[in-house]
PDB file of N, CA and C in Angstrom:
ATOM      1  N   MET A   1     -30.963   8.809  51.958  1.00  0.00           N
ATOM      2  CA  MET A   1     -31.901   9.824  51.338  1.00  0.00           C
ATOM      3  C   MET A   1     -31.038  11.209  51.327  1.00  0.00           C
ATOM      4  N   ALA A   2     -31.246  11.927  50.248  1.00  0.00           N
ATOM      5  CA  ALA A   2     -30.465  13.100  49.958  1.00  0.00           C
ATOM      6  C   ALA A   2     -31.343  14.184  50.499  1.00  0.00           C
ATOM      7  N   ASN A   3     -30.529  15.256  50.948  1.00  0.00           N
ATOM      8  CA  ASN A   3     -30.889  16.529  51.324  1.00  0.00           C
ATOM      9  C   ASN A   3     -31.033  17.538  50.106  1.00  0.00           C
ATOM     10  N   LEU A   4     -32.010  18.261  50.081  1.00  0.00           N
ATOM     11  CA  LEU A   4     -32.303  19.253  48.989  1.00  0.00           C
ATOM     12  C   LEU A   4     -32.538  20.551  49.448  1.00  0.00           C
ATOM     13  N   THR A   5     -31.729  21.609  49.104  1.00  0.00           N
ATOM     14  CA  THR A   5     -31.906  23.061  49.486  1.00  0.00           C
ATOM     15  C   THR A   5     -32.531  23.684  48.309  1.00  0.00           C
ATOM     16  N   ILE A   6     -33.773  24.316  48.624  1.00  0.00           N
ATOM     17  CA  ILE A   6     -34.525  25.066  47.709  1.00  0.00           C
ATOM     18  C   ILE A   6     -34.882  26.473  48.313  1.00  0.00           C
ATOM     19  N   SER A   7     -35.143  27.441  47.597  1.00  0.00           N
ATOM     20  CA  SER A   7     -35.584  28.823  47.928  1.00  0.00           C
ATOM     21  C   SER A   7     -37.042  28.872  47.932  1.00  0.00           C
ATOM     22  N   VAL A   8     -37.708  29.177  48.800  1.00  0.00           N
ATOM     23  CA  VAL A   8     -39.220  29.332  48.914  1.00  0.00           C
ATOM     24  C   VAL A   8     -39.628  30.486  49.724  1.00  0.00           C
ATOM     25  N   ASP A   9     -40.526  31.202  49.349  1.00  0.00           N
ATOM     26  CA  ASP A   9     -41.122  32.372  50.063  1.00  0.00           C
ATOM     27  C   ASP A   9     -41.429  31.836  51.544  1.00  0.00           C
ATOM     28  N   GLU A  10     -40.908  32.647  52.545  1.00  0.00           N
ATOM     29  CA  GLU A  10     -41.132  32.214  54.021  1.00  0.00           C
ATOM     30  C   GLU A  10     -42.614  32.029  54.431  1.00  0.00           C
ATOM     31  N   ASN A  11     -43.380  32.962  53.869  1.00  0.00           N
ATOM     32  CA  ASN A  11     -44.902  32.889  54.168  1.00  0.00           C
ATOM     33  C   ASN A  11     -45.468  31.561  53.650  1.00  0.00           C
ATOM     34  N   LEU A  12     -45.027  31.177  52.500  1.00  0.00           N
ATOM     35  CA  LEU A  12     -45.679  30.018  51.836  1.00  0.00           C
ATOM     36  C   LEU A  12     -45.132  28.753  52.723  1.00  0.00           C
ATOM     37  N   VAL A  13     -43.824  28.730  53.000  1.00  0.00           N
ATOM     38  CA  VAL A  13     -43.396  27.626  53.860  1.00  0.00           C
ATOM     39  C   VAL A  13     -44.187  27.432  55.204  1.00  0.00           C
ATOM     40  N   LYS A  14     -44.481  28.640  55.898  1.00  0.00           N
ATOM     41  CA  LYS A  14     -45.130  28.607  57.131  1.00  0.00           C
ATOM     42  C   LYS A  14     -46.687  27.949  56.825  1.00  0.00           C
ATOM     43  N   GLN A  15     -47.251  28.441  55.809  1.00  0.00           N
ATOM     44  CA  GLN A  15     -48.568  27.989  55.471  1.00  0.00           C
ATOM     45  C   GLN A  15     -48.518  26.518  55.205  1.00  0.00           C
ATOM     46  N   ALA A  16     -47.530  26.010  54.474  1.00  0.00           N
ATOM     47  CA  ALA A  16     -47.474  24.688  53.957  1.00  0.00           C
ATOM     48  C   ALA A  16     -47.233  23.664  55.314  1.00  0.00           C
ATOM     49  N   ARG A  17     -46.470  24.234  56.172  1.00  0.00           N
ATOM     50  CA  ARG A  17     -46.109  23.464  57.564  1.00  0.00           C
ATOM     51  C   ARG A  17     -47.369  23.284  58.246  1.00  0.00           C
ATOM     52  N   ILE A  18     -48.163  24.459  58.394  1.00  0.00           N
ATOM     53  CA  ILE A  18     -49.437  24.357  59.018  1.00  0.00           C
ATOM     54  C   ILE A  18     -50.320  23.205  58.315  1.00  0.00           C
ATOM     55  N   LYS A  19     -50.460  23.456  57.167  1.00  0.00           N
ATOM     56  CA  LYS A  19     -51.410  22.458  56.347  1.00  0.00           C
ATOM     57  C   LYS A  19     -50.959  20.992  56.451  1.00  0.00           C
ATOM     58  N   ALA A  20     -49.570  20.747  56.478  1.00  0.00           N
ATOM     59  CA  ALA A  20     -49.133  19.383  56.653  1.00  0.00           C
ATOM     60  C   ALA A  20     -49.318  18.887  58.064  1.00  0.00           C
ATOM     61  N   ILE A  21     -49.258  19.734  59.029  1.00  0.00           N
ATOM     62  CA  ILE A  21     -49.585  19.200  60.403  1.00  0.00           C
ATOM     63  C   ILE A  21     -51.128  18.856  60.478  1.00  0.00           C
ATOM     64  N   GLN A  22     -51.930  19.709  59.890  1.00  0.00           N
ATOM     65  CA  GLN A  22     -53.515  19.498  59.857  1.00  0.00           C
ATOM     66  C   GLN A  22     -53.767  18.262  59.181  1.00  0.00           C
ATOM     67  N   GLU A  23     -52.843  17.798  58.312  1.00  0.00           N
ATOM     68  CA  GLU A  23     -53.122  16.493  57.494  1.00  0.00           C
ATOM     69  C   GLU A  23     -52.275  15.333  58.178  1.00  0.00           C
ATOM     70  N   GLY A  24     -51.722  15.649  59.432  1.00  0.00           N
ATOM     71  CA  GLY A  24     -50.976  14.537  60.015  1.00  0.00           C
ATOM     72  C   GLY A  24     -49.851  14.157  59.425  1.00  0.00           C
ATOM     73  N   THR A  25     -49.109  14.994  58.726  1.00  0.00           N
ATOM     74  CA  THR A  25     -47.684  14.574  58.081  1.00  0.00           C
ATOM     75  C   THR A  25     -46.885  15.750  58.189  1.00  0.00           C
ATOM     76  N   SER A  26     -45.712  15.756  57.465  1.00  0.00           N
ATOM     77  CA  SER A  26     -44.741  16.676  57.583  1.00  0.00           C
ATOM     78  C   SER A  26     -44.515  17.382  56.188  1.00  0.00           C
ATOM     79  N   LEU A  27     -44.018  18.535  56.119  1.00  0.00           N
ATOM     80  CA  LEU A  27     -43.741  19.259  54.895  1.00  0.00           C
ATOM     81  C   LEU A  27     -42.823  18.500  54.085  1.00  0.00           C
ATOM     82  N   SER A  28     -41.789  17.888  54.690  1.00  0.00           N
ATOM     83  CA  SER A  28     -40.707  17.016  53.887  1.00  0.00           C
ATOM     84  C   SER A  28     -41.529  15.834  53.129  1.00  0.00           C
ATOM     85  N   ALA A  29     -42.406  15.146  53.875  1.00  0.00           N
ATOM     86  CA  ALA A  29     -43.283  14.200  53.300  1.00  0.00           C
ATOM     87  C   ALA A  29     -43.980  14.557  52.156  1.00  0.00           C
ATOM     88  N   LYS A  30     -44.666  15.719  52.227  1.00  0.00           N
ATOM     89  CA  LYS A  30     -45.460  16.177  51.257  1.00  0.00           C
ATOM     90  C   LYS A  30     -44.703  16.606  50.100  1.00  0.00           C
ATOM     91  N   VAL A  31     -43.441  17.143  50.152  1.00  0.00           N
ATOM     92  CA  VAL A  31     -42.512  17.488  49.148  1.00  0.00           C
ATOM     93  C   VAL A  31     -42.110  16.205  48.329  1.00  0.00           C
ATOM     94  N   ARG A  32     -41.791  15.268  49.123  1.00  0.00           N
ATOM     95  CA  ARG A  32     -41.467  13.856  48.585  1.00  0.00           C
ATOM     96  C   ARG A  32     -42.553  13.372  47.706  1.00  0.00           C
ATOM     97  N   GLU A  33     -43.800  13.441  48.265  1.00  0.00           N
ATOM     98  CA  GLU A  33     -44.947  13.004  47.495  1.00  0.00           C
ATOM     99  C   GLU A  33     -45.168  13.660  46.243  1.00  0.00           C
ATOM    100  N   MET A  34     -45.143  14.963  46.367  1.00  0.00           N
ATOM    101  CA  MET A  34     -45.196  15.825  45.166  1.00  0.00           C
ATOM    102  C   MET A  34     -44.067  15.516  43.928  1.00  0.00           C
ATOM    103  N   LEU A  35     -42.955  15.466  44.502  1.00  0.00           N
ATOM    104  CA  LEU A  35     -41.875  15.205  43.561  1.00  0.00           C
ATOM    105  C   LEU A  35     -41.916  13.822  42.962  1.00  0.00           C
ATOM    106  N   SER A  36     -42.424  12.834  43.703  1.00  0.00           N
ATOM    107  CA  SER A  36     -42.599  11.530  43.139  1.00  0.00           C
ATOM    108  C   SER A  36     -43.814  11.420  42.273  1.00  0.00           C
ATOM    109  N   SER A  37     -44.864  12.236  42.460  1.00  0.00           N
ATOM    110  CA  SER A  37     -45.997  12.425  41.563  1.00  0.00           C
ATOM    111  C   SER A  37     -45.380  13.062  40.232  1.00  0.00           C
ATOM    112  N   TYR A  38     -44.682  14.020  40.326  1.00  0.00           N
ATOM    113  CA  TYR A  38     -44.099  14.823  39.306  1.00  0.00           C
ATOM    114  C   TYR A  38     -43.406  13.915  38.231  1.00  0.00           C
ATOM    115  N   VAL A  39     -42.580  13.014  38.878  1.00  0.00           N
ATOM    116  CA  VAL A  39     -41.669  12.243  38.120  1.00  0.00           C
ATOM    117  C   VAL A  39     -42.526  11.096  37.412  1.00  0.00           C
ATOM    118  N   ARG A  40     -43.624  10.520  38.089  1.00  0.00           N
ATOM    119  CA  ARG A  40     -44.313   9.568  37.530  1.00  0.00           C
ATOM    120  C   ARG A  40     -45.200  10.062  36.383  1.00  0.00           C
ATOM    121  N   GLN A  41     -45.380  11.320  36.401  1.00  0.00           N
ATOM    122  CA  GLN A  41     -46.145  11.900  35.205  1.00  0.00           C
ATOM    123  C   GLN A  41     -45.342  11.876  33.765  1.00  0.00           C
ATOM    124  N   ASP A  42     -44.008  12.097  33.906  1.00  0.00           N
ATOM    125  CA  ASP A  42     -43.110  12.115  32.869  1.00  0.00           C
ATOM    126  C   ASP A  42     -42.894  10.665  32.399  1.00  0.00           C
ATOM    127  N   THR A  43     -42.704   9.811  33.331  1.00  0.00           N
ATOM    128  CA  THR A  43     -42.239   8.431  32.907  1.00  0.00           C
ATOM    129  C   THR A  43     -43.363   7.638  32.261  1.00  0.00           C
ATOM    130  N   ALA A  44     -44.595   7.943  32.486  1.00  0.00           N
ATOM    131  CA  ALA A  44     -45.816   7.096  32.050  1.00  0.00           C
ATOM    132  C   ALA A  44     -45.769   7.393  30.487  1.00  0.00           C
ATOM    133  N   SER A  45     -45.546   8.737  29.927  1.00  0.00           N
ATOM    134  CA  SER A  45     -45.648   8.786  28.448  1.00  0.00           C
ATOM    135  C   SER A  45     -44.361   8.605  27.797  1.00  0.00           C
ATOM    136  N   THR A  46     -43.337   8.694  28.557  1.00  0.00           N
ATOM    137  CA  THR A  46     -41.796   8.526  27.812  1.00  0.00           C
ATOM    138  C   THR A  46     -41.145   7.285  28.150  1.00  0.00           C
ATOM    139  N   PRO A  47     -41.006   6.429  27.257  1.00  0.00           N
ATOM    140  CA  PRO A  47     -40.281   5.128  27.668  1.00  0.00           C
ATOM    141  C   PRO A  47     -38.841   5.494  27.781  1.00  0.00           C
ATOM    142  N   VAL A  48     -38.118   4.847  28.740  1.00  0.00           N
ATOM    143  CA  VAL A  48     -36.755   4.995  28.993  1.00  0.00           C
ATOM    144  C   VAL A  48     -35.963   4.167  27.973  1.00  0.00           C
ATOM    145  N   VAL A  49     -35.151   4.889  27.171  1.00  0.00           N
ATOM    146  CA  VAL A  49     -34.259   4.297  26.284  1.00  0.00           C
ATOM    147  C   VAL A  49     -32.801   4.121  26.779  1.00  0.00           C
ATOM    148  N   ILE A  50     -32.379   2.852  26.974  1.00  0.00           N
ATOM    149  CA  ILE A  50     -30.939   2.740  27.481  1.00  0.00           C
ATOM    150  C   ILE A  50     -29.999   2.510  26.272  1.00  0.00           C
ATOM    151  N   PRO A  51     -29.175   3.502  26.087  1.00  0.00           N
ATOM    152  CA  PRO A  51     -28.208   3.271  24.879  1.00  0.00           C
ATOM    153  C   PRO A  51     -27.332   2.043  25.059  1.00  0.00           C
ATOM    154  N   THR A  52     -26.832   1.489  24.007  1.00  0.00           N
ATOM    155  CA  THR A  52     -25.805   0.463  24.002  1.00  0.00           C
ATOM    156  C   THR A  52     -24.468   0.959  23.596  1.00  0.00           C
ATOM    157  N   LEU A  53     -23.418   0.433  24.099  1.00  0.00           N
ATOM    158  CA  LEU A  53     -22.276   0.822  23.504  1.00  0.00           C
ATOM    159  C   LEU A  53     -21.722  -0.313  22.598  1.00  0.00           C
ATOM    160  N   PRO A  54     -20.857   0.103  21.698  1.00  0.00           N
ATOM    161  CA  PRO A  54     -20.260  -0.694  20.657  1.00  0.00           C
ATOM    162  C   PRO A  54     -19.253  -1.693  21.329  1.00  0.00           C
ATOM    163  N   VAL A  55     -19.531  -2.977  21.111  1.00  0.00           N
ATOM    164  CA  VAL A  55     -18.595  -3.998  21.713  1.00  0.00           C
ATOM    165  C   VAL A  55     -17.940  -4.735  20.574  1.00  0.00           C
ATOM    166  N   SER A  56     -16.823  -5.127  20.792  1.00  0.00           N
ATOM    167  CA  SER A  56     -16.065  -6.011  19.720  1.00  0.00           C
ATOM    168  C   SER A  56     -16.389  -7.487  19.952  1.00  0.00           C
ATOM    169  N   SER A  57     -16.763  -8.030  18.837  1.00  0.00           N
ATOM    170  CA  SER A  57     -17.072  -9.578  18.828  1.00  0.00           C
ATOM    171  C   SER A  57     -15.866 -10.384  18.911  1.00  0.00           C
ATOM    172  N   ALA A  58     -14.627  -9.741  18.634  1.00  0.00           N
ATOM    173  CA  ALA A  58     -13.447 -10.451  18.659  1.00  0.00           C
ATOM    174  C   ALA A  58     -12.887 -10.474  19.896  1.00  0.00           C
ATOM    175  N   ARG A  59     -12.862  -9.437  20.677  1.00  0.00           N
ATOM    176  CA  ARG A  59     -12.300  -9.145  21.909  1.00  0.00           C
ATOM    177  C   ARG A  59     -13.193  -9.272  23.137  1.00  0.00           C
ATOM    178  N   GLY A  60     -14.521  -9.004  22.929  1.00  0.00           N
ATOM    179  CA  GLY A  60     -15.353  -8.924  23.992  1.00  0.00           C
ATOM    180  C   GLY A  60     -15.522  -7.813  24.674  1.00  0.00           C
ATOM    181  N   GLY A  61     -14.617  -6.805  24.414  1.00  0.00           N
ATOM    182  CA  GLY A  61     -14.704  -5.448  25.074  1.00  0.00           C
ATOM    183  C   GLY A  61     -15.136  -4.337  24.181  1.00  0.00           C
ATOM    184  N   LEU A  62     -15.015  -3.132  24.628  1.00  0.00           N
ATOM    185  CA  LEU A  62     -15.389  -2.006  23.802  1.00  0.00           C
ATOM    186  C   LEU A  62     -14.674  -2.062  22.461  1.00  0.00           C
ATOM    187  N   GLN A  63     -15.263  -1.337  21.421  1.00  0.00           N
ATOM    188  CA  GLN A  63     -14.399  -1.109  20.167  1.00  0.00           C
ATOM    189  C   GLN A  63     -13.113  -0.263  20.451  1.00  0.00           C
ATOM    190  N   PRO A  64     -12.175  -0.437  19.700  1.00  0.00           N
ATOM    191  CA  PRO A  64     -11.019   0.554  19.895  1.00  0.00           C
ATOM    192  C   PRO A  64     -11.569   1.890  19.591  1.00  0.00           C
ATOM    193  N   GLY A  65     -10.923   2.898  20.360  1.00  0.00           N
ATOM    194  CA  GLY A  65     -11.240   4.314  20.162  1.00  0.00           C
ATOM    195  C   GLY A  65     -12.308   4.742  21.136  1.00  0.00           C
ATOM    196  N   VAL A  66     -12.771   3.743  21.960  1.00  0.00           N
ATOM    197  CA  VAL A  66     -13.866   4.200  22.991  1.00  0.00           C
ATOM    198  C   VAL A  66     -13.125   4.493  24.185  1.00  0.00           C
ATOM    199  N   ASP A  67     -13.039   5.729  24.823  1.00  0.00           N
ATOM    200  CA  ASP A  67     -12.266   5.947  26.063  1.00  0.00           C
ATOM    201  C   ASP A  67     -13.241   5.944  27.109  1.00  0.00           C
ATOM    202  N   LEU A  68     -13.187   4.970  28.076  1.00  0.00           N
ATOM    203  CA  LEU A  68     -14.012   4.849  29.217  1.00  0.00           C
ATOM    204  C   LEU A  68     -13.889   6.104  30.150  1.00  0.00           C
ATOM    205  N   SER A  69     -12.739   6.959  30.112  1.00  0.00           N
ATOM    206  CA  SER A  69     -12.519   7.895  30.946  1.00  0.00           C
ATOM    207  C   SER A  69     -13.109   9.255  30.410  1.00  0.00           C
ATOM    208  N   SER A  70     -13.674   9.297  29.292  1.00  0.00           N
ATOM    209  CA  SER A  70     -14.219  10.437  28.497  1.00  0.00           C
ATOM    210  C   SER A  70     -15.706  10.295  28.213  1.00  0.00           C
ATOM    211  N   ASN A  71     -16.425  11.179  28.894  1.00  0.00           N
ATOM    212  CA  ASN A  71     -17.893  11.217  28.676  1.00  0.00           C
ATOM    213  C   ASN A  71     -18.220  11.454  27.284  1.00  0.00           C
ATOM    214  N   ARG A  72     -17.376  12.417  26.660  1.00  0.00           N
ATOM    215  CA  ARG A  72     -17.646  12.668  25.297  1.00  0.00           C
ATOM    216  C   ARG A  72     -17.414  11.461  24.325  1.00  0.00           C
ATOM    217  N   SER A  73     -16.381  10.699  24.594  1.00  0.00           N
ATOM    218  CA  SER A  73     -16.127   9.553  23.841  1.00  0.00           C
ATOM    219  C   SER A  73     -17.303   8.489  23.944  1.00  0.00           C
ATOM    220  N   LEU A  74     -17.714   8.288  25.164  1.00  0.00           N
ATOM    221  CA  LEU A  74     -18.887   7.448  25.351  1.00  0.00           C
ATOM    222  C   LEU A  74     -20.164   7.882  24.701  1.00  0.00           C
ATOM    223  N   TYR A  75     -20.444   9.218  24.737  1.00  0.00           N
ATOM    224  CA  TYR A  75     -21.736   9.687  24.121  1.00  0.00           C
ATOM    225  C   TYR A  75     -21.505   9.575  22.652  1.00  0.00           C
ATOM    226  N   ASP A  76     -20.392   9.865  22.107  1.00  0.00           N
ATOM    227  CA  ASP A  76     -20.230   9.707  20.593  1.00  0.00           C
ATOM    228  C   ASP A  76     -20.318   8.410  20.109  1.00  0.00           C
ATOM    229  N   ALA A  77     -19.932   7.378  20.887  1.00  0.00           N
ATOM    230  CA  ALA A  77     -20.052   5.945  20.669  1.00  0.00           C
ATOM    231  C   ALA A  77     -21.458   5.594  20.525  1.00  0.00           C
ATOM    232  N   MET A  78     -22.163   5.973  21.637  1.00  0.00           N
ATOM    233  CA  MET A  78     -23.535   5.636  21.723  1.00  0.00           C
ATOM    234  C   MET A  78     -24.383   6.333  20.602  1.00  0.00           C
ATOM    235  N   ASP A  79     -24.132   7.476  20.282  1.00  0.00           N
ATOM    236  CA  ASP A  79     -24.838   8.105  19.235  1.00  0.00           C
ATOM    237  C   ASP A  79     -24.459   8.011  17.790  1.00  0.00           C
ATOM    238  N   SER A  80     -23.385   7.181  17.582  1.00  0.00           N
ATOM    239  CA  SER A  80     -22.842   7.069  16.256  1.00  0.00           C
ATOM    240  C   SER A  80     -23.792   6.541  15.335  1.00  0.00           C
ATOM    241  N   GLY A  81     -24.818   5.717  15.696  1.00  0.00           N
ATOM    242  CA  GLY A  81     -25.736   5.247  14.793  1.00  0.00           C
ATOM    243  C   GLY A  81     -25.168   4.045  13.883  1.00  0.00           C
ATOM    244  N   VAL A  82     -23.894   3.830  14.033  1.00  0.00           N
ATOM    245  CA  VAL A  82     -23.291   2.833  13.169  1.00  0.00           C
ATOM    246  C   VAL A  82     -22.974   1.568  13.940  1.00  0.00           C
ATOM    247  N   ASP A  83     -23.568   0.427  13.323  1.00  0.00           N
ATOM    248  CA  ASP A  83     -23.317  -0.725  14.092  1.00  0.00           C
ATOM    249  C   ASP A  83     -21.931  -1.210  14.039  1.00  0.00           C
ATOM    250  N   LEU A  84     -21.253  -0.954  15.076  1.00  0.00           N
ATOM    251  CA  LEU A  84     -19.775  -1.226  15.061  1.00  0.00           C
ATOM    252  C   LEU A  84     -19.463  -2.789  15.340  1.00  0.00           C
ATOM    253  N   LEU A  85     -20.536  -3.559  15.660  1.00  0.00           N
ATOM    254  CA  LEU A  85     -20.160  -4.972  15.784  1.00  0.00           C
ATOM    255  C   LEU A  85     -20.008  -5.556  14.300  1.00  0.00           C
ATOM    256  N   LYS A  86     -20.661  -5.001  13.251  1.00  0.00           N
ATOM    257  CA  LYS A  86     -20.383  -5.446  11.901  1.00  0.00           C
ATOM    258  C   LYS A  86     -19.195  -5.095  11.327  1.00  0.00           C
ATOM    259  N   LEU A  87     -18.541  -4.069  11.941  1.00  0.00           N
ATOM    260  CA  LEU A  87     -17.258  -3.528  11.478  1.00  0.00           C
ATOM    261  C   LEU A  87     -15.971  -4.403  11.920  1.00  0.00           C
ATOM    262  N   SER A  88     -16.234  -5.184  13.018  1.00  0.00           N
ATOM    263  CA  SER A  88     -15.215  -5.941  13.511  1.00  0.00           C
ATOM    264  C   SER A  88     -14.886  -7.355  12.742  1.00  0.00           C
TER     265      SER A  88
END
């Protein structure tokens, strides 16, 4: 589990801790619950699109010119919109 550092008004934190204790939980658990709910709201309406990288049918690897050590090169390859499989 990751630790997260945020800045929140001290009085708000005290009130939230008291409310969480009254509900039989912790402030950390409530924050996790709220973040999870927040993420689910976005994912329900927006499908996740996983881009594909151009692959050489001749060699079985990436097309020439795609540098795996460069994010820019990978993004350009995914965003090219050209079916590089047909070019090989």
